[in-house]
C-alpha atoms as a PDB file:
ATOM      1  CA  UNK A   1      93.262  89.339 108.949  1.00  0.00           C
ATOM      2  CA  UNK A   2      95.189  88.578 112.109  1.00  0.00           C
ATOM      3  CA  UNK A   3      98.379  90.300 113.103  1.00  0.00           C
ATOM      4  CA  UNK A   4     101.554  88.292 113.379  1.00  0.00           C
ATOM      5  CA  UNK A   5     102.845  88.064 116.944  1.00  0.00           C
ATOM      6  CA  UNK A   6     105.917  90.165 117.635  1.00  0.00           C
ATOM      7  CA  UNK A   7     108.959  88.049 118.390  1.00  0.00           C
ATOM      8  CA  UNK A   8     111.842  89.503 120.328  1.00  0.00           C
ATOM      9  CA  UNK A   9     114.834  89.968 118.064  1.00  0.00           C
ATOM     10  CA  UNK A  10     117.800  87.742 118.638  1.00  0.00           C
ATOM     11  CA  UNK A  11     120.835  89.720 119.759  1.00  0.00           C
ATOM     12  CA  UNK A  12     123.303  90.596 117.042  1.00  0.00           C
ATOM     13  CA  UNK A  13     126.840  89.359 117.578  1.00  0.00           C
ATOM     14  CA  UNK A  14     129.932  90.652 115.827  1.00  0.00           C
ATOM     15  CA  UNK A  15     132.435  88.005 114.716  1.00  0.00           C
ATOM     16  CA  UNK A  16     135.679  87.929 112.761  1.00  0.00           C
ATOM     17  CA  UNK A  17     135.082  86.728 109.204  1.00  0.00           C
ATOM     18  CA  UNK A  18     138.272  84.669 109.632  1.00  0.00           C
ATOM     19  CA  UNK A  19     136.326  82.489 112.103  1.00  0.00           C
ATOM     20  CA  UNK A  20     133.355  82.113 109.731  1.00  0.00           C
ATOM     21  CA  UNK A  21     134.866  81.425 106.290  1.00  0.00           C
ATOM     22  CA  UNK A  22     131.568  79.970 105.076  1.00  0.00           C
ATOM     23  CA  UNK A  23     130.343  83.594 104.842  1.00  0.00           C
ATOM     24  CA  UNK A  24     133.162  84.832 102.555  1.00  0.00           C
ATOM     25  CA  UNK A  25     130.959  84.377  99.484  1.00  0.00           C
ATOM     26  CA  UNK A  26     128.179  86.461 101.048  1.00  0.00           C
ATOM     27  CA  UNK A  27     130.554  89.296 101.975  1.00  0.00           C
ATOM     28  CA  UNK A  28     132.071  89.206  98.489  1.00  0.00           C
ATOM     29  CA  UNK A  29     128.607  89.266  96.897  1.00  0.00           C
ATOM     30  CA  UNK A  30     127.438  92.181  99.028  1.00  0.00           C
ATOM     31  CA  UNK A  31     130.595  94.198  98.348  1.00  0.00           C
ATOM     32  CA  UNK A  32     130.850  93.451  94.645  1.00  0.00           C
ATOM     33  CA  UNK A  33     127.130  94.079  94.151  1.00  0.00           C
ATOM     34  CA  UNK A  34     127.182  97.361  96.071  1.00  0.00           C
ATOM     35  CA  UNK A  35     130.465  98.850  94.830  1.00  0.00           C
ATOM     36  CA  UNK A  36     132.725  96.586  92.779  1.00  0.00           C
ATOM     37  CA  UNK A  37     130.599  96.081  89.697  1.00  0.00           C
ATOM     38  CA  UNK A  38     130.536  99.873  89.162  1.00  0.00           C
ATOM     39  CA  UNK A  39     134.255 100.513  89.625  1.00  0.00           C
ATOM     40  CA  UNK A  40     135.935  98.027  87.294  1.00  0.00           C
ATOM     41  CA  UNK A  41     136.441  95.443  90.036  1.00  0.00           C
ATOM     42  CA  UNK A  42     135.933  91.720  89.699  1.00  0.00           C
ATOM     43  CA  UNK A  43     134.056  89.292  91.907  1.00  0.00           C
ATOM     44  CA  UNK A  44     137.165  87.093  92.092  1.00  0.00           C
ATOM     45  CA  UNK A  45     139.294  90.015  93.304  1.00  0.00           C
ATOM     46  CA  UNK A  46     136.649  90.891  95.891  1.00  0.00           C
ATOM     47  CA  UNK A  47     136.490  87.250  97.061  1.00  0.00           C
ATOM     48  CA  UNK A  48     140.283  87.219  97.453  1.00  0.00           C
ATOM     49  CA  UNK A  49     140.218  90.309  99.647  1.00  0.00           C
ATOM     50  CA  UNK A  50     137.812  88.645 102.060  1.00  0.00           C
ATOM     51  CA  UNK A  51     139.658  85.337 101.950  1.00  0.00           C
ATOM     52  CA  UNK A  52     142.781  87.223 103.147  1.00  0.00           C
ATOM     53  CA  UNK A  53     140.986  88.722 106.166  1.00  0.00           C
ATOM     54  CA  UNK A  54     142.525  87.952 109.555  1.00  0.00           C
ATOM     55  CA  UNK A  55     141.899  89.135 113.091  1.00  0.00           C
ATOM     56  CA  UNK A  56     145.426  90.300 113.864  1.00  0.00           C
ATOM     57  CA  UNK A  57     146.300  92.467 110.867  1.00  0.00           C
ATOM     58  CA  UNK A  58     144.884  94.294 107.874  1.00  0.00           C
ATOM     59  CA  UNK A  59     142.652  93.349 106.135  1.00  0.00           C
ATOM     60  CA  UNK A  60     140.299  92.591 109.010  1.00  0.00           C
ATOM     61  CA  UNK A  61     136.608  91.969 108.323  1.00  0.00           C
ATOM     62  CA  UNK A  62     133.877  91.836 110.928  1.00  0.00           C
ATOM     63  CA  UNK A  63     130.510  90.269 110.260  1.00  0.00           C
ATOM     64  CA  UNK A  64     127.263  90.898 112.136  1.00  0.00           C
ATOM     65  CA  UNK A  65     125.338  87.697 112.860  1.00  0.00           C
ATOM     66  CA  UNK A  66     121.674  87.380 113.831  1.00  0.00           C
ATOM     67  CA  UNK A  67     119.880  84.035 114.082  1.00  0.00           C
ATOM     68  CA  UNK A  68     123.064  82.322 112.775  1.00  0.00           C
ATOM     69  CA  UNK A  69     122.901  84.357 109.534  1.00  0.00           C
ATOM     70  CA  UNK A  70     125.050  87.265 108.353  1.00  0.00           C
ATOM     71  CA  UNK A  71     123.210  90.587 108.405  1.00  0.00           C
ATOM     72  CA  UNK A  72     126.068  93.061 107.941  1.00  0.00           C
ATOM     73  CA  UNK A  73     129.809  93.558 107.608  1.00  0.00           C
ATOM     74  CA  UNK A  74     132.666  96.065 107.686  1.00  0.00           C
ATOM     75  CA  UNK A  75     136.362  95.922 106.796  1.00  0.00           C
ATOM     76  CA  UNK A  76     139.531  97.542 108.110  1.00  0.00           C
ATOM     77  CA  UNK A  77     141.830  97.942 105.105  1.00  0.00           C
ATOM     78  CA  UNK A  78     145.150  99.506 104.215  1.00  0.00           C
ATOM     79  CA  UNK A  79     143.683 101.394 101.234  1.00  0.00           C
ATOM     80  CA  UNK A  80     140.279 102.331  99.870  1.00  0.00           C
ATOM     81  CA  UNK A  81     140.649 105.491  97.792  1.00  0.00           C
ATOM     82  CA  UNK A  82     143.348 105.928  95.148  1.00  0.00           C
ATOM     83  CA  UNK A  83     143.341 109.702  95.407  1.00  0.00           C
ATOM     84  CA  UNK A  84     144.452 109.590  99.061  1.00  0.00           C
ATOM     85  CA  UNK A  85     146.949 106.716  99.092  1.00  0.00           C
ATOM     86  CA  UNK A  86     149.007 108.434 101.827  1.00  0.00           C
ATOM     87  CA  UNK A  87     146.159 107.907 104.322  1.00  0.00           C
ATOM     88  CA  UNK A  88     145.741 104.633 106.198  1.00  0.00           C
ATOM     89  CA  UNK A  89     143.976 102.617 107.516  1.00  0.00           C
ATOM     90  CA  UNK A  90     140.443 102.769 106.163  1.00  0.00           C
ATOM     91  CA  UNK A  91     137.013 101.706 107.314  1.00  0.00           C
ATOM     92  CA  UNK A  92     135.461 100.316 104.135  1.00  0.00           C
ATOM     93  CA  UNK A  93     132.661  98.120 102.876  1.00  0.00           C
ATOM     94  CA  UNK A  94     130.215  98.910 105.676  1.00  0.00           C
ATOM     95  CA  UNK A  95     127.095  97.085 104.560  1.00  0.00           C
ATOM     96  CA  UNK A  96     123.920  96.051 106.351  1.00  0.00           C
ATOM     97  CA  UNK A  97     121.402  93.909 104.499  1.00  0.00           C
ATOM     98  CA  UNK A  98     118.312  96.006 103.656  1.00  0.00           C
ATOM     99  CA  UNK A  99     116.036  93.743 105.753  1.00  0.00           C
ATOM    100  CA  UNK A 100     118.137  94.544 108.841  1.00  0.00           C
ATOM    101  CA  UNK A 101     118.672  98.290 108.525  1.00  0.00           C
ATOM    102  CA  UNK A 102     117.471 100.821 111.106  1.00  0.00           C
ATOM    103  CA  UNK A 103     118.299  98.428 113.960  1.00  0.00           C
ATOM    104  CA  UNK A 104     121.634  99.925 115.035  1.00  0.00           C
ATOM    105  CA  UNK A 105     123.734  97.230 113.349  1.00  0.00           C
ATOM    106  CA  UNK A 106     125.811  99.718 111.337  1.00  0.00           C
ATOM    107  CA  UNK A 107     126.692 101.601 114.528  1.00  0.00           C
ATOM    108  CA  UNK A 108     127.676  98.342 116.257  1.00  0.00           C
ATOM    109  CA  UNK A 109     129.939  97.452 113.336  1.00  0.00           C
ATOM    110  CA  UNK A 110     131.529 100.920 113.256  1.00  0.00           C
ATOM    111  CA  UNK A 111     132.210 100.904 117.003  1.00  0.00           C
ATOM    112  CA  UNK A 112     133.676  97.408 116.950  1.00  0.00           C
ATOM    113  CA  UNK A 113     135.892  98.206 113.950  1.00  0.00           C
ATOM    114  CA  UNK A 114     137.159 101.326 115.716  1.00  0.00           C
ATOM    115  CA  UNK A 115     138.000  99.142 118.745  1.00  0.00           C
ATOM    116  CA  UNK A 116     139.824  96.629 116.532  1.00  0.00           C
ATOM    117  CA  UNK A 117     141.837  99.386 114.819  1.00  0.00           C
ATOM    118  CA  UNK A 118     142.798 100.803 118.210  1.00  0.00           C
ATOM    119  CA  UNK A 119     143.732  97.313 119.446  1.00  0.00           C
ATOM    120  CA  UNK A 120     146.047  96.955 116.455  1.00  0.00           C
ATOM    121  CA  UNK A 121     147.753 100.245 117.405  1.00  0.00           C
ATOM    122  CA  UNK A 122     146.228 102.644 114.882  1.00  0.00           C
ATOM    123  CA  UNK A 123     145.639 106.216 116.016  1.00  0.00           C
ATOM    124  CA  UNK A 124     143.103 107.277 113.382  1.00  0.00           C
ATOM    125  CA  UNK A 125     140.857 105.895 110.664  1.00  0.00           C
ATOM    126  CA  UNK A 126     139.640 107.233 107.331  1.00  0.00           C
ATOM    127  CA  UNK A 127     136.623 106.559 105.140  1.00  0.00           C
ATOM    128  CA  UNK A 128     134.827 107.803 102.057  1.00  0.00           C
ATOM    129  CA  UNK A 129     131.043 108.083 101.947  1.00  0.00           C
ATOM    130  CA  UNK A 130     128.692 109.452  99.331  1.00  0.00           C
ATOM    131  CA  UNK A 131     125.504 109.155 101.352  1.00  0.00           C
ATOM    132  CA  UNK A 132     126.083 108.116 104.988  1.00  0.00           C
ATOM    133  CA  UNK A 133     127.898 111.159 106.380  1.00  0.00           C
ATOM    134  CA  UNK A 134     125.290 111.694 109.113  1.00  0.00           C
ATOM    135  CA  UNK A 135     125.642 108.092 110.318  1.00  0.00           C
ATOM    136  CA  UNK A 136     129.387 108.522 110.748  1.00  0.00           C
ATOM    137  CA  UNK A 137     129.095 111.981 112.320  1.00  0.00           C
ATOM    138  CA  UNK A 138     126.850 110.434 114.993  1.00  0.00           C
ATOM    139  CA  UNK A 139     129.775 108.118 115.783  1.00  0.00           C
ATOM    140  CA  UNK A 140     132.235 111.009 116.141  1.00  0.00           C
ATOM    141  CA  UNK A 141     133.719 111.099 112.638  1.00  0.00           C
ATOM    142  CA  UNK A 142     134.602 114.448 111.027  1.00  0.00           C
ATOM    143  CA  UNK A 143     134.565 115.389 107.351  1.00  0.00           C
ATOM    144  CA  UNK A 144     138.023 116.614 106.338  1.00  0.00           C
ATOM    145  CA  UNK A 145     137.658 116.933 102.556  1.00  0.00           C
ATOM    146  CA  UNK A 146     135.293 116.576  99.603  1.00  0.00           C
ATOM    147  CA  UNK A 147     136.326 114.104  96.881  1.00  0.00           C
ATOM    148  CA  UNK A 148     134.911 112.617  93.692  1.00  0.00           C
ATOM    149  CA  UNK A 149     134.343 108.856  93.427  1.00  0.00           C
ATOM    150  CA  UNK A 150     132.934 106.790  90.541  1.00  0.00           C
ATOM    151  CA  UNK A 151     129.571 107.296  92.292  1.00  0.00           C
ATOM    152  CA  UNK A 152     129.744 111.095  92.674  1.00  0.00           C
ATOM    153  CA  UNK A 153     130.686 113.637  95.323  1.00  0.00           C
ATOM    154  CA  UNK A 154     131.745 112.130  98.633  1.00  0.00           C
ATOM    155  CA  UNK A 155     132.996 113.143 102.058  1.00  0.00           C
ATOM    156  CA  UNK A 156     136.449 112.058 103.157  1.00  0.00           C
ATOM    157  CA  UNK A 157     136.110 111.511 106.881  1.00  0.00           C
ATOM    158  CA  UNK A 158     138.518 110.864 109.735  1.00  0.00           C
ATOM    159  CA  UNK A 159     138.215 109.660 113.294  1.00  0.00           C
ATOM    160  CA  UNK A 160     140.948 109.946 115.892  1.00  0.00           C
ATOM    161  CA  UNK A 161     140.912 106.818 118.026  1.00  0.00           C
ATOM    162  CA  UNK A 162     141.460 106.689 121.773  1.00  0.00           C
ATOM    163  CA  UNK A 163     144.662 105.013 122.902  1.00  0.00           C
ATOM    164  CA  UNK A 164     143.820 101.635 124.444  1.00  0.00           C
ATOM    165  CA  UNK A 165     144.718 101.336 128.154  1.00  0.00           C
ATOM    166  CA  UNK A 166     147.409  98.718 127.535  1.00  0.00           C
ATOM    167  CA  UNK A 167     149.272 101.137 125.211  1.00  0.00           C
ATOM    168  CA  UNK A 168     149.086 104.245 127.420  1.00  0.00           C
ATOM    169  CA  UNK A 169     152.217 105.361 129.179  1.00  0.00           C
ATOM    170  CA  UNK A 170     152.233 106.829 132.632  1.00  0.00           C
ATOM    171  CA  UNK A 171     152.748 110.567 132.833  1.00  0.00           C
ATOM    172  CA  UNK A 172     156.183 111.531 134.114  1.00  0.00           C
ATOM    173  CA  UNK A 173     156.015 112.673 137.639  1.00  0.00           C
END
């Protein structure tokens, strides 16, 4: 048996879903399959959320592309957890296709979404995770509470975002 030659991976790019509407169905399928079908959601509702995604307001969805195919996604949303409706905005629906995990794509998506939230003027972000707390902690997120979701115990996490240079004011002096 001969080994397959190693091919250098194509760089992953992060794009706005708004610019790639042909991938709305994939994002909706990933999200509904991962979370929606277990929490009384509908595929049509999930599709509509992605169809509404823009680049200049919430909801904003980013999609990771490799070799012209989607490999992951993440969304900036107004709400994600009913028990904490006073908190906003939220990082939600972080998903990387299983064939593309362990390549740093989730971290790229998190960092880019944080940048987008900061660009839009938000000072902090929130998220809920049942099983990826360590991933987010590596990106500077802090657990601020424990909550129950339809999937079990979860960490409510927060990240304070840096103020973008164009929004900083000069110190009086």
